[in-house]
Amino acid sequence: MSTRSLTLAGALLVLAACTKGAEKPAAAPADTTANAAAPAPAPAAAPAPAPKGVAVTPSKPLVADLQKPAASKKVKHKSGIGEGKLAIALAETPGGSTIWVERYDMEGTGDVEPTELAVNFTTHVGYAYGQAAVRCKDGTMVHGPQIMGVYLEGNVFKQPRGSGWYATELQTGQCGMTEPTVWGSRFDARGVIYAEGVAMIYPKTGDLLLVTVADIKPKP
């Protein structure tokens, strides 16, 4: 064998040894982004339900006048005050109970209306009743019957003097109501509403009864 052939054979053996010990290149990681499921869209937030009920602002002049009824008022005699679901029977007196009429903005809407006022000297509660402009919590305005009760000194319900309640008769569609409803609101002696809800006038006492109560703040 020639020297050239031996040299070529040796080179081939060296090349084979190098190739045998070499590592294969690692496979590239699979691209999973193309097949990955797209994230589910976030559910659309449901619109907040419109607030229901009456946004009452108690009339401080009316509350004050009911606590000190003046004898010089022009009066008439009736056996009660209010009508329909807002009717309240008053204490029986000769000739009927004394009721007088003034003009008031019953709940601070800027609408001054003729308002009947009366005091039940048996229970020591004053009442005001009229067709009033009413501001709903959803921002709309309606006009309808409303009555207010104010607890006087020595009242049989043992409530703070100057505190009281409102009751407003609402028809379907008014202030978010789905049926004819009496909406009641209770206020403390400072005139702050602290509880409200669907209500009724308790016929035996002439007091407000909240059927479904939505507390706004703790009663002081």
N, C-alpha and C. Protein backbone atom coordinates (compact mmCIF):
# COMPACT_ATOMS: atom_id res chain seq x y z
N MET A 1 0.87 -1.18 0.00
CA MET A 1 0.00 0.00 0.00
C MET A 1 0.91 1.22 0.00
N SER A 2 0.47 2.21 -0.78
CA SER A 2 1.29 3.40 -0.91
C SER A 2 1.11 4.31 0.30
N THR A 3 2.10 5.18 0.47
CA THR A 3 2.05 6.12 1.58
C THR A 3 0.85 7.04 1.49
N ARG A 4 0.42 7.38 0.28
CA ARG A 4 -0.76 8.27 0.07
C ARG A 4 -2.03 7.60 0.54
N SER A 5 -2.14 6.28 0.29
CA SER A 5 -3.34 5.54 0.69
C SER A 5 -3.43 5.46 2.20
N LEU A 6 -2.28 5.26 2.88
CA LEU A 6 -2.29 5.18 4.33
C LEU A 6 -2.70 6.50 4.95
N THR A 7 -2.24 7.56 4.40
CA THR A 7 -2.60 8.88 4.94
C THR A 7 -4.08 9.16 4.81
N LEU A 8 -4.66 8.77 3.67
CA LEU A 8 -6.11 8.98 3.44
C LEU A 8 -6.94 8.15 4.38
N ALA A 9 -6.51 6.91 4.64
CA ALA A 9 -7.25 6.02 5.54
C ALA A 9 -7.23 6.55 6.95
N GLY A 10 -6.09 7.09 7.36
CA GLY A 10 -6.02 7.64 8.72
C GLY A 10 -6.91 8.83 8.90
N ALA A 11 -7.00 9.64 7.92
CA ALA A 11 -7.86 10.82 8.00
C ALA A 11 -9.33 10.44 8.13
N LEU A 12 -9.72 9.37 7.40
CA LEU A 12 -11.11 8.91 7.46
C LEU A 12 -11.44 8.36 8.84
N LEU A 13 -10.46 7.62 9.50
CA LEU A 13 -10.71 7.09 10.84
C LEU A 13 -10.88 8.21 11.86
N VAL A 14 -10.06 9.25 11.76
CA VAL A 14 -10.17 10.40 12.69
C VAL A 14 -11.51 11.09 12.54
N LEU A 15 -11.99 11.29 11.31
CA LEU A 15 -13.27 11.96 11.04
C LEU A 15 -14.44 11.16 11.59
N ALA A 16 -14.38 9.81 11.48
CA ALA A 16 -15.46 8.95 11.98
C ALA A 16 -15.55 9.03 13.48
N ALA A 17 -14.38 9.09 14.17
CA ALA A 17 -14.38 9.16 15.63
C ALA A 17 -14.97 10.46 16.12
N CYS A 18 -14.70 11.52 15.46
CA CYS A 18 -15.24 12.83 15.86
C CYS A 18 -16.75 12.91 15.66
N THR A 19 -17.19 12.33 14.58
CA THR A 19 -18.64 12.36 14.27
C THR A 19 -19.42 11.52 15.27
N LYS A 20 -18.90 10.39 15.69
CA LYS A 20 -19.59 9.48 16.61
C LYS A 20 -19.80 10.11 17.96
N GLY A 21 -18.91 10.94 18.48
CA GLY A 21 -19.03 11.52 19.81
C GLY A 21 -19.80 12.82 19.85
N ALA A 22 -20.17 13.34 18.72
CA ALA A 22 -20.87 14.64 18.70
C ALA A 22 -22.32 14.46 19.10
N GLU A 23 -22.91 15.48 19.87
CA GLU A 23 -24.33 15.45 20.26
C GLU A 23 -25.18 16.02 19.14
N LYS A 24 -26.38 15.47 19.03
CA LYS A 24 -27.33 16.02 18.09
C LYS A 24 -27.88 17.34 18.63
N PRO A 25 -28.11 18.33 17.83
CA PRO A 25 -28.68 19.60 18.31
C PRO A 25 -30.07 19.39 18.88
N ALA A 26 -30.39 20.11 20.00
CA ALA A 26 -31.72 19.99 20.63
C ALA A 26 -32.78 20.53 19.69
N ALA A 27 -33.94 19.86 19.72
CA ALA A 27 -35.05 20.31 18.87
C ALA A 27 -35.62 21.61 19.42
N ALA A 28 -35.98 22.52 18.56
CA ALA A 28 -36.57 23.80 18.97
C ALA A 28 -37.91 23.55 19.62
N PRO A 29 -38.23 24.28 20.71
CA PRO A 29 -39.55 24.07 21.36
C PRO A 29 -40.68 24.41 20.41
N ALA A 30 -41.75 23.61 20.55
CA ALA A 30 -42.91 23.81 19.66
C ALA A 30 -43.56 25.15 19.95
N ASP A 31 -44.01 25.80 18.95
CA ASP A 31 -44.70 27.09 19.10
C ASP A 31 -46.16 26.82 19.46
N THR A 32 -46.49 27.02 20.74
CA THR A 32 -47.86 26.71 21.20
C THR A 32 -48.78 27.91 21.13
N THR A 33 -48.24 29.07 20.79
CA THR A 33 -49.09 30.27 20.81
C THR A 33 -50.14 30.24 19.73
N ALA A 34 -49.81 29.61 18.63
CA ALA A 34 -50.76 29.61 17.52
C ALA A 34 -51.98 28.78 17.85
N ASN A 35 -51.78 27.66 18.59
CA ASN A 35 -52.89 26.76 18.88
C ASN A 35 -53.54 27.03 20.23
N ALA A 36 -52.96 27.93 21.06
CA ALA A 36 -53.53 28.20 22.38
C ALA A 36 -54.90 28.85 22.25
N ALA A 37 -55.82 28.45 23.13
CA ALA A 37 -57.16 29.03 23.09
C ALA A 37 -57.11 30.49 23.51
N ALA A 38 -57.84 31.36 22.80
CA ALA A 38 -57.89 32.78 23.13
C ALA A 38 -58.62 32.96 24.46
N PRO A 39 -58.16 33.89 25.32
CA PRO A 39 -58.84 34.09 26.61
C PRO A 39 -60.29 34.53 26.41
N ALA A 40 -61.19 33.99 27.27
CA ALA A 40 -62.61 34.33 27.15
C ALA A 40 -62.82 35.80 27.48
N PRO A 41 -63.63 36.49 26.70
CA PRO A 41 -63.87 37.92 27.00
C PRO A 41 -64.57 38.08 28.35
N ALA A 42 -64.18 39.10 29.07
CA ALA A 42 -64.81 39.36 30.36
C ALA A 42 -66.28 39.67 30.17
N PRO A 43 -67.14 39.10 31.00
CA PRO A 43 -68.58 39.38 30.85
C PRO A 43 -68.87 40.86 31.05
N ALA A 44 -69.76 41.38 30.23
CA ALA A 44 -70.13 42.78 30.35
C ALA A 44 -70.82 43.04 31.68
N ALA A 45 -70.42 44.11 32.34
CA ALA A 45 -71.03 44.44 33.63
C ALA A 45 -72.50 44.78 33.43
N ALA A 46 -73.36 44.18 34.26
CA ALA A 46 -74.79 44.46 34.17
C ALA A 46 -75.05 45.88 34.64
N PRO A 47 -75.91 46.59 33.95
CA PRO A 47 -76.20 47.96 34.38
C PRO A 47 -76.82 47.97 35.78
N ALA A 48 -76.40 48.91 36.58
CA ALA A 48 -76.94 49.01 37.94
C ALA A 48 -78.43 49.34 37.88
N PRO A 49 -79.24 48.64 38.68
CA PRO A 49 -80.67 48.94 38.66
C PRO A 49 -80.94 50.35 39.14
N ALA A 50 -81.93 50.98 38.53
CA ALA A 50 -82.28 52.34 38.94
C ALA A 50 -82.80 52.33 40.37
N PRO A 51 -82.39 53.28 41.19
CA PRO A 51 -82.87 53.32 42.58
C PRO A 51 -84.38 53.53 42.63
N LYS A 52 -85.02 52.88 43.57
CA LYS A 52 -86.47 52.97 43.72
C LYS A 52 -86.82 53.75 44.97
N GLY A 53 -87.97 54.38 44.93
CA GLY A 53 -88.46 55.07 46.11
C GLY A 53 -88.43 56.57 45.97
N VAL A 54 -88.81 57.22 47.05
CA VAL A 54 -88.93 58.68 47.09
C VAL A 54 -87.73 59.28 47.82
N ALA A 55 -87.16 60.32 47.26
CA ALA A 55 -86.04 61.02 47.90
C ALA A 55 -86.61 62.16 48.75
N VAL A 56 -86.90 61.86 50.00
CA VAL A 56 -87.58 62.81 50.88
C VAL A 56 -86.58 63.74 51.57
N THR A 57 -86.93 65.02 51.62
CA THR A 57 -86.22 66.00 52.43
C THR A 57 -87.25 66.65 53.35
N PRO A 58 -87.31 66.26 54.61
CA PRO A 58 -88.36 66.77 55.50
C PRO A 58 -88.36 68.30 55.57
N SER A 59 -89.57 68.87 55.57
CA SER A 59 -89.75 70.31 55.65
C SER A 59 -89.61 70.76 57.11
N LYS A 60 -88.54 71.46 57.42
CA LYS A 60 -88.33 71.92 58.80
C LYS A 60 -89.39 72.93 59.24
N PRO A 61 -89.83 73.87 58.38
CA PRO A 61 -90.90 74.77 58.81
C PRO A 61 -92.19 74.03 59.14
N LEU A 62 -92.50 73.02 58.35
CA LEU A 62 -93.72 72.25 58.60
C LEU A 62 -93.61 71.46 59.89
N VAL A 63 -92.48 70.84 60.13
CA VAL A 63 -92.27 70.10 61.38
C VAL A 63 -92.41 71.04 62.58
N ALA A 64 -91.84 72.22 62.47
CA ALA A 64 -91.89 73.19 63.58
C ALA A 64 -93.32 73.66 63.82
N ASP A 65 -94.08 73.96 62.76
CA ASP A 65 -95.44 74.46 62.93
C ASP A 65 -96.38 73.41 63.53
N LEU A 66 -96.15 72.14 63.20
CA LEU A 66 -97.00 71.10 63.78
C LEU A 66 -96.75 70.93 65.28
N GLN A 67 -95.58 71.33 65.74
CA GLN A 67 -95.28 71.20 67.16
C GLN A 67 -95.83 72.35 67.99
N LYS A 68 -96.26 73.41 67.34
CA LYS A 68 -96.82 74.56 68.07
C LYS A 68 -98.00 75.14 67.28
N PRO A 69 -99.07 74.36 67.13
CA PRO A 69 -100.21 74.84 66.35
C PRO A 69 -100.78 76.12 66.93
N ALA A 70 -101.04 77.08 66.06
CA ALA A 70 -101.57 78.37 66.51
C ALA A 70 -103.09 78.33 66.54
N ALA A 71 -103.66 78.90 67.60
CA ALA A 71 -105.12 78.87 67.75
C ALA A 71 -105.83 79.79 66.76
N SER A 72 -105.09 80.72 66.16
CA SER A 72 -105.73 81.69 65.28
C SER A 72 -105.90 81.20 63.85
N LYS A 73 -105.47 79.97 63.57
CA LYS A 73 -105.59 79.46 62.21
C LYS A 73 -107.06 79.32 61.83
N LYS A 74 -107.33 79.50 60.53
CA LYS A 74 -108.68 79.22 60.03
C LYS A 74 -108.86 77.71 60.04
N VAL A 75 -109.87 77.25 60.74
CA VAL A 75 -110.01 75.81 60.95
C VAL A 75 -111.31 75.30 60.36
N LYS A 76 -111.33 73.98 60.15
CA LYS A 76 -112.55 73.28 59.79
C LYS A 76 -112.58 71.99 60.59
N HIS A 77 -113.74 71.37 60.64
CA HIS A 77 -113.89 70.19 61.48
C HIS A 77 -114.11 68.96 60.60
N LYS A 78 -113.26 67.97 60.79
CA LYS A 78 -113.36 66.71 60.06
C LYS A 78 -113.02 65.57 61.02
N SER A 79 -113.46 64.39 60.66
CA SER A 79 -113.21 63.23 61.52
C SER A 79 -111.87 62.57 61.23
N GLY A 80 -111.17 63.07 60.27
CA GLY A 80 -109.87 62.48 59.94
C GLY A 80 -109.12 63.33 58.94
N ILE A 81 -107.94 62.88 58.59
CA ILE A 81 -107.11 63.59 57.64
C ILE A 81 -106.55 62.57 56.65
N GLY A 82 -106.35 63.01 55.41
CA GLY A 82 -105.86 62.10 54.39
C GLY A 82 -106.98 61.36 53.69
N GLU A 83 -106.63 60.66 52.63
CA GLU A 83 -107.62 59.91 51.86
C GLU A 83 -107.04 58.57 51.42
N GLY A 84 -107.94 57.64 51.10
CA GLY A 84 -107.51 56.35 50.56
C GLY A 84 -106.55 55.62 51.48
N LYS A 85 -105.42 55.19 50.92
CA LYS A 85 -104.44 54.45 51.70
C LYS A 85 -103.72 55.33 52.71
N LEU A 86 -103.89 56.64 52.59
CA LEU A 86 -103.23 57.56 53.50
C LEU A 86 -104.20 58.18 54.51
N ALA A 87 -105.39 57.61 54.62
CA ALA A 87 -106.38 58.17 55.53
C ALA A 87 -106.07 57.81 56.98
N ILE A 88 -106.25 58.80 57.87
CA ILE A 88 -106.02 58.60 59.30
C ILE A 88 -107.20 59.17 60.06
N ALA A 89 -107.81 58.33 60.90
CA ALA A 89 -108.89 58.80 61.75
C ALA A 89 -108.30 59.52 62.96
N LEU A 90 -108.90 60.64 63.33
CA LEU A 90 -108.42 61.42 64.46
C LEU A 90 -109.31 61.21 65.68
N ALA A 91 -108.86 61.70 66.81
CA ALA A 91 -109.61 61.53 68.04
C ALA A 91 -110.99 62.17 67.91
N GLU A 92 -111.99 61.51 68.41
CA GLU A 92 -113.35 62.04 68.36
C GLU A 92 -113.50 63.22 69.32
N THR A 93 -113.95 64.33 68.79
CA THR A 93 -114.25 65.52 69.60
C THR A 93 -115.57 66.08 69.13
N PRO A 94 -116.28 66.85 69.94
CA PRO A 94 -117.54 67.45 69.49
C PRO A 94 -117.33 68.27 68.22
N GLY A 95 -118.08 67.95 67.17
CA GLY A 95 -117.96 68.66 65.90
C GLY A 95 -116.84 68.15 65.03
N GLY A 96 -116.13 67.12 65.46
CA GLY A 96 -115.02 66.59 64.67
C GLY A 96 -113.70 67.20 65.07
N SER A 97 -112.61 66.65 64.55
CA SER A 97 -111.29 67.14 64.87
C SER A 97 -111.02 68.46 64.16
N THR A 98 -110.14 69.24 64.75
CA THR A 98 -109.79 70.53 64.18
C THR A 98 -108.68 70.37 63.16
N ILE A 99 -108.92 70.89 61.96
CA ILE A 99 -107.93 70.83 60.89
C ILE A 99 -107.81 72.23 60.29
N TRP A 100 -106.61 72.67 60.04
CA TRP A 100 -106.44 73.95 59.37
C TRP A 100 -105.59 73.77 58.12
N VAL A 101 -105.68 74.73 57.23
CA VAL A 101 -105.01 74.62 55.94
C VAL A 101 -104.00 75.75 55.78
N GLU A 102 -102.80 75.39 55.40
CA GLU A 102 -101.74 76.34 55.10
C GLU A 102 -101.11 75.95 53.76
N ARG A 103 -100.18 76.74 53.29
CA ARG A 103 -99.45 76.42 52.07
C ARG A 103 -98.00 76.09 52.45
N TYR A 104 -97.57 74.89 52.03
CA TYR A 104 -96.22 74.43 52.37
C TYR A 104 -95.58 73.74 51.18
N ASP A 105 -94.26 73.77 51.18
CA ASP A 105 -93.46 72.89 50.33
C ASP A 105 -93.17 71.68 51.19
N MET A 106 -93.94 70.61 51.02
CA MET A 106 -93.92 69.51 51.98
C MET A 106 -92.58 68.82 52.09
N GLU A 107 -91.79 68.79 51.01
CA GLU A 107 -90.53 68.06 51.12
C GLU A 107 -89.39 68.71 50.34
N GLY A 108 -89.42 70.02 50.26
CA GLY A 108 -88.26 70.72 49.73
C GLY A 108 -88.05 70.63 48.24
N THR A 109 -89.11 70.45 47.47
CA THR A 109 -88.97 70.39 46.01
C THR A 109 -89.18 71.75 45.36
N GLY A 110 -89.57 72.76 46.15
CA GLY A 110 -89.84 74.07 45.59
C GLY A 110 -91.29 74.26 45.17
N ASP A 111 -92.12 73.24 45.37
CA ASP A 111 -93.53 73.29 44.98
C ASP A 111 -94.39 73.54 46.22
N VAL A 112 -94.97 74.74 46.34
CA VAL A 112 -95.79 75.10 47.50
C VAL A 112 -97.24 74.78 47.18
N GLU A 113 -97.86 73.98 48.03
CA GLU A 113 -99.23 73.50 47.78
C GLU A 113 -100.08 73.70 49.03
N PRO A 114 -101.42 73.82 48.86
CA PRO A 114 -102.30 73.82 50.04
C PRO A 114 -102.14 72.52 50.81
N THR A 115 -101.98 72.63 52.10
CA THR A 115 -101.69 71.47 52.94
C THR A 115 -102.59 71.48 54.16
N GLU A 116 -103.28 70.37 54.38
CA GLU A 116 -104.09 70.23 55.59
C GLU A 116 -103.22 69.82 56.77
N LEU A 117 -103.46 70.46 57.92
CA LEU A 117 -102.72 70.13 59.13
C LEU A 117 -103.68 69.78 60.25
N ALA A 118 -103.26 68.86 61.09
CA ALA A 118 -104.10 68.46 62.22
C ALA A 118 -103.22 67.92 63.33
N VAL A 119 -103.73 67.97 64.54
CA VAL A 119 -103.03 67.42 65.70
C VAL A 119 -103.99 66.49 66.44
N ASN A 120 -103.53 65.27 66.66
CA ASN A 120 -104.29 64.32 67.48
C ASN A 120 -103.79 64.48 68.91
N PHE A 121 -104.60 65.13 69.76
CA PHE A 121 -104.17 65.41 71.12
C PHE A 121 -104.30 64.20 72.05
N THR A 122 -104.82 63.09 71.50
CA THR A 122 -104.84 61.85 72.27
C THR A 122 -103.52 61.11 72.16
N THR A 123 -103.00 61.02 70.93
CA THR A 123 -101.72 60.34 70.71
C THR A 123 -100.54 61.31 70.68
N HIS A 124 -100.84 62.62 70.60
CA HIS A 124 -99.81 63.65 70.51
C HIS A 124 -98.94 63.46 69.27
N VAL A 125 -99.63 63.41 68.14
CA VAL A 125 -98.97 63.34 66.84
C VAL A 125 -99.62 64.39 65.94
N GLY A 126 -98.79 65.15 65.24
CA GLY A 126 -99.28 66.11 64.27
C GLY A 126 -99.19 65.54 62.87
N TYR A 127 -100.14 65.93 62.00
CA TYR A 127 -100.17 65.41 60.64
C TYR A 127 -100.28 66.54 59.64
N ALA A 128 -99.70 66.32 58.46
CA ALA A 128 -99.85 67.23 57.32
C ALA A 128 -100.14 66.38 56.09
N TYR A 129 -101.14 66.80 55.31
CA TYR A 129 -101.55 66.02 54.14
C TYR A 129 -101.79 66.96 52.97
N GLY A 130 -101.37 66.53 51.79
CA GLY A 130 -101.63 67.32 50.60
C GLY A 130 -101.21 66.60 49.34
N GLN A 131 -101.55 67.20 48.20
CA GLN A 131 -101.07 66.73 46.90
C GLN A 131 -99.73 67.43 46.66
N ALA A 132 -98.67 66.67 46.70
CA ALA A 132 -97.34 67.26 46.72
C ALA A 132 -96.53 66.85 45.50
N ALA A 133 -95.58 67.72 45.13
CA ALA A 133 -94.57 67.34 44.16
C ALA A 133 -93.56 66.43 44.85
N VAL A 134 -93.27 65.31 44.23
CA VAL A 134 -92.43 64.29 44.84
C VAL A 134 -91.22 64.03 43.94
N ARG A 135 -90.04 64.07 44.55
CA ARG A 135 -88.81 63.76 43.80
C ARG A 135 -88.46 62.30 44.02
N CYS A 136 -88.36 61.55 42.92
CA CYS A 136 -87.99 60.14 43.01
C CYS A 136 -86.48 59.98 43.07
N LYS A 137 -86.02 58.85 43.57
CA LYS A 137 -84.59 58.60 43.66
C LYS A 137 -83.94 58.43 42.29
N ASP A 138 -84.74 58.10 41.28
CA ASP A 138 -84.17 57.97 39.94
C ASP A 138 -84.11 59.31 39.22
N GLY A 139 -84.46 60.40 39.92
CA GLY A 139 -84.36 61.74 39.34
C GLY A 139 -85.63 62.28 38.74
N THR A 140 -86.65 61.45 38.57
CA THR A 140 -87.90 61.92 38.01
C THR A 140 -88.74 62.62 39.07
N MET A 141 -89.75 63.35 38.62
CA MET A 141 -90.66 64.04 39.52
C MET A 141 -92.08 63.57 39.23
N VAL A 142 -92.84 63.34 40.29
CA VAL A 142 -94.25 62.98 40.15
C VAL A 142 -95.06 63.86 41.09
N HIS A 143 -96.35 63.86 40.91
CA HIS A 143 -97.23 64.66 41.76
C HIS A 143 -98.32 63.73 42.30
N GLY A 144 -98.48 63.69 43.62
CA GLY A 144 -99.46 62.79 44.18
C GLY A 144 -99.68 63.02 45.65
N PRO A 145 -100.54 62.22 46.28
CA PRO A 145 -100.88 62.40 47.69
C PRO A 145 -99.75 61.99 48.62
N GLN A 146 -99.56 62.79 49.66
CA GLN A 146 -98.50 62.52 50.63
C GLN A 146 -98.96 62.98 52.01
N ILE A 147 -98.60 62.22 53.03
CA ILE A 147 -98.93 62.60 54.39
C ILE A 147 -97.67 62.49 55.25
N MET A 148 -97.56 63.39 56.22
CA MET A 148 -96.43 63.39 57.13
C MET A 148 -96.95 63.34 58.55
N GLY A 149 -96.27 62.55 59.39
CA GLY A 149 -96.58 62.51 60.82
C GLY A 149 -95.39 63.02 61.61
N VAL A 150 -95.65 63.85 62.62
CA VAL A 150 -94.59 64.39 63.47
C VAL A 150 -94.92 64.06 64.92
N TYR A 151 -94.00 63.43 65.62
CA TYR A 151 -94.21 63.08 67.02
C TYR A 151 -94.01 64.31 67.90
N LEU A 152 -95.01 64.59 68.73
CA LEU A 152 -94.96 65.74 69.62
C LEU A 152 -94.51 65.32 71.02
N GLU A 153 -94.31 66.29 71.86
CA GLU A 153 -93.90 66.01 73.24
C GLU A 153 -94.95 65.12 73.92
N GLY A 154 -94.51 64.03 74.57
CA GLY A 154 -95.41 63.15 75.29
C GLY A 154 -96.19 62.19 74.39
N ASN A 155 -95.74 61.96 73.16
CA ASN A 155 -96.48 61.07 72.26
C ASN A 155 -96.51 59.64 72.80
N VAL A 156 -97.60 58.94 72.48
CA VAL A 156 -97.81 57.59 73.01
C VAL A 156 -96.84 56.58 72.40
N PHE A 157 -96.19 56.93 71.31
CA PHE A 157 -95.26 56.00 70.66
C PHE A 157 -93.85 56.11 71.23
N LYS A 158 -93.68 57.05 72.18
CA LYS A 158 -92.40 57.24 72.86
C LYS A 158 -91.25 57.50 71.87
N GLN A 159 -91.55 58.27 70.84
CA GLN A 159 -90.55 58.66 69.86
C GLN A 159 -90.01 60.05 70.19
N PRO A 160 -88.79 60.37 69.78
CA PRO A 160 -88.23 61.69 70.09
C PRO A 160 -89.09 62.82 69.51
N ARG A 161 -89.25 63.85 70.28
CA ARG A 161 -90.01 65.02 69.83
C ARG A 161 -89.37 65.61 68.57
N GLY A 162 -90.21 65.84 67.55
CA GLY A 162 -89.72 66.40 66.30
C GLY A 162 -89.30 65.38 65.27
N SER A 163 -89.24 64.11 65.64
CA SER A 163 -89.00 63.06 64.64
C SER A 163 -90.33 62.69 64.00
N GLY A 164 -90.31 61.89 62.97
CA GLY A 164 -91.57 61.54 62.32
C GLY A 164 -91.38 60.71 61.07
N TRP A 165 -92.32 60.82 60.16
CA TRP A 165 -92.31 59.99 58.96
C TRP A 165 -93.10 60.63 57.82
N TYR A 166 -92.85 60.14 56.63
CA TYR A 166 -93.61 60.49 55.43
C TYR A 166 -94.19 59.22 54.85
N ALA A 167 -95.37 59.33 54.24
CA ALA A 167 -95.94 58.24 53.44
C ALA A 167 -96.44 58.84 52.14
N THR A 168 -96.00 58.27 51.03
CA THR A 168 -96.35 58.78 49.70
C THR A 168 -97.02 57.68 48.91
N GLU A 169 -98.17 57.98 48.34
CA GLU A 169 -98.88 56.99 47.53
C GLU A 169 -98.39 57.10 46.08
N LEU A 170 -97.87 55.99 45.55
CA LEU A 170 -97.30 55.95 44.21
C LEU A 170 -98.09 55.00 43.33
N GLN A 171 -98.19 55.35 42.06
CA GLN A 171 -98.85 54.49 41.09
C GLN A 171 -97.80 53.68 40.32
N THR A 172 -98.26 52.68 39.57
CA THR A 172 -97.35 51.86 38.77
C THR A 172 -96.51 52.73 37.84
N GLY A 173 -95.21 52.53 37.87
CA GLY A 173 -94.30 53.30 37.03
C GLY A 173 -93.73 54.54 37.69
N GLN A 174 -94.30 54.96 38.82
CA GLN A 174 -93.79 56.13 39.52
C GLN A 174 -92.68 55.71 40.48
N CYS A 175 -91.57 56.39 40.43
CA CYS A 175 -90.43 56.14 41.34
C CYS A 175 -89.99 54.68 41.31
N GLY A 176 -90.11 54.03 40.14
CA GLY A 176 -89.66 52.66 39.98
C GLY A 176 -90.60 51.60 40.50
N MET A 177 -91.84 51.96 40.84
CA MET A 177 -92.77 50.98 41.40
C MET A 177 -93.39 50.13 40.27
N THR A 178 -93.53 48.85 40.52
CA THR A 178 -94.13 47.94 39.54
C THR A 178 -95.62 47.72 39.80
N GLU A 179 -96.13 48.30 40.88
CA GLU A 179 -97.54 48.22 41.21
C GLU A 179 -97.86 49.38 42.15
N PRO A 180 -99.15 49.70 42.34
CA PRO A 180 -99.49 50.78 43.28
C PRO A 180 -98.91 50.49 44.66
N THR A 181 -98.24 51.47 45.23
CA THR A 181 -97.45 51.26 46.46
C THR A 181 -97.51 52.50 47.35
N VAL A 182 -97.49 52.28 48.66
CA VAL A 182 -97.24 53.37 49.60
C VAL A 182 -95.77 53.26 50.01
N TRP A 183 -95.01 54.34 49.79
CA TRP A 183 -93.59 54.37 50.16
C TRP A 183 -93.44 55.21 51.43
N GLY A 184 -92.79 54.64 52.42
CA GLY A 184 -92.63 55.32 53.69
C GLY A 184 -91.18 55.65 53.99
N SER A 185 -90.98 56.76 54.68
CA SER A 185 -89.63 57.19 55.09
C SER A 185 -89.71 57.71 56.52
N ARG A 186 -88.80 57.26 57.36
CA ARG A 186 -88.73 57.74 58.75
C ARG A 186 -87.55 58.69 58.91
N PHE A 187 -87.79 59.81 59.67
CA PHE A 187 -86.71 60.75 59.91
C PHE A 187 -86.55 61.00 61.40
N ASP A 188 -85.32 61.34 61.80
CA ASP A 188 -85.04 61.59 63.21
C ASP A 188 -85.32 63.05 63.56
N ALA A 189 -85.03 63.45 64.77
CA ALA A 189 -85.35 64.80 65.24
C ALA A 189 -84.54 65.88 64.52
N ARG A 190 -83.47 65.47 63.84
CA ARG A 190 -82.68 66.42 63.05
C ARG A 190 -83.18 66.55 61.62
N GLY A 191 -84.17 65.73 61.26
CA GLY A 191 -84.67 65.75 59.89
C GLY A 191 -83.92 64.85 58.95
N VAL A 192 -83.17 63.90 59.48
CA VAL A 192 -82.37 62.97 58.66
C VAL A 192 -83.14 61.67 58.48
N ILE A 193 -83.32 61.25 57.21
CA ILE A 193 -83.99 59.98 56.93
C ILE A 193 -83.08 58.83 57.36
N TYR A 194 -83.62 57.89 58.17
CA TYR A 194 -82.79 56.77 58.62
C TYR A 194 -83.35 55.40 58.24
N ALA A 195 -84.59 55.32 57.76
CA ALA A 195 -85.14 54.04 57.31
C ALA A 195 -86.27 54.33 56.33
N GLU A 196 -86.47 53.42 55.40
CA GLU A 196 -87.51 53.62 54.38
C GLU A 196 -87.89 52.27 53.79
N GLY A 197 -88.94 52.27 52.99
CA GLY A 197 -89.39 51.05 52.32
C GLY A 197 -90.87 51.09 52.02
N VAL A 198 -91.37 49.99 51.51
CA VAL A 198 -92.81 49.86 51.28
C VAL A 198 -93.51 49.92 52.63
N ALA A 199 -94.61 50.66 52.69
CA ALA A 199 -95.20 50.96 54.00
C ALA A 199 -96.72 50.91 53.94
N MET A 200 -97.31 51.08 55.11
CA MET A 200 -98.75 51.23 55.24
C MET A 200 -99.03 52.07 56.48
N ILE A 201 -100.19 52.70 56.49
CA ILE A 201 -100.65 53.42 57.68
C ILE A 201 -101.42 52.43 58.54
N TYR A 202 -100.96 52.25 59.77
CA TYR A 202 -101.64 51.31 60.65
C TYR A 202 -102.95 51.94 61.11
N PRO A 203 -104.09 51.36 60.73
CA PRO A 203 -105.37 52.05 60.94
C PRO A 203 -105.75 52.28 62.40
N LYS A 204 -105.32 51.41 63.31
CA LYS A 204 -105.74 51.55 64.70
C LYS A 204 -105.00 52.65 65.44
N THR A 205 -103.80 52.97 64.98
CA THR A 205 -103.00 53.96 65.70
C THR A 205 -102.69 55.21 64.90
N GLY A 206 -102.87 55.15 63.58
CA GLY A 206 -102.51 56.29 62.75
C GLY A 206 -101.01 56.47 62.64
N ASP A 207 -100.26 55.37 62.83
CA ASP A 207 -98.81 55.44 62.75
C ASP A 207 -98.34 54.72 61.49
N LEU A 208 -97.10 55.00 61.10
CA LEU A 208 -96.53 54.38 59.91
C LEU A 208 -95.93 53.03 60.25
N LEU A 209 -96.19 52.04 59.41
CA LEU A 209 -95.60 50.72 59.54
C LEU A 209 -94.82 50.43 58.27
N LEU A 210 -93.50 50.22 58.40
CA LEU A 210 -92.67 49.85 57.26
C LEU A 210 -92.79 48.34 57.06
N VAL A 211 -93.29 47.94 55.89
CA VAL A 211 -93.48 46.52 55.59
C VAL A 211 -92.16 45.89 55.15
N THR A 212 -91.45 46.56 54.26
CA THR A 212 -90.10 46.14 53.88
C THR A 212 -89.17 47.29 54.22
N VAL A 213 -88.15 47.01 55.01
CA VAL A 213 -87.31 48.08 55.55
C VAL A 213 -85.95 48.07 54.88
N ALA A 214 -85.53 49.24 54.43
CA ALA A 214 -84.17 49.42 53.91
C ALA A 214 -83.50 50.45 54.80
N ASP A 215 -82.68 49.98 55.75
CA ASP A 215 -82.00 50.90 56.67
C ASP A 215 -80.99 51.76 55.91
N ILE A 216 -80.99 53.03 56.20
CA ILE A 216 -80.04 53.94 55.58
C ILE A 216 -78.88 54.20 56.53
N LYS A 217 -79.17 54.39 57.77
CA LYS A 217 -78.13 54.59 58.79
C LYS A 217 -78.73 54.20 60.13
N PRO A 218 -77.90 53.86 61.10
CA PRO A 218 -78.46 53.49 62.41
C PRO A 218 -79.25 54.64 63.02
N LYS A 219 -80.35 54.29 63.64
CA LYS A 219 -81.16 55.29 64.32
C LYS A 219 -80.41 55.83 65.52
N PRO A 220 -80.33 57.16 65.66
CA PRO A 220 -79.60 57.72 66.80
C PRO A 220 -80.30 57.44 68.12
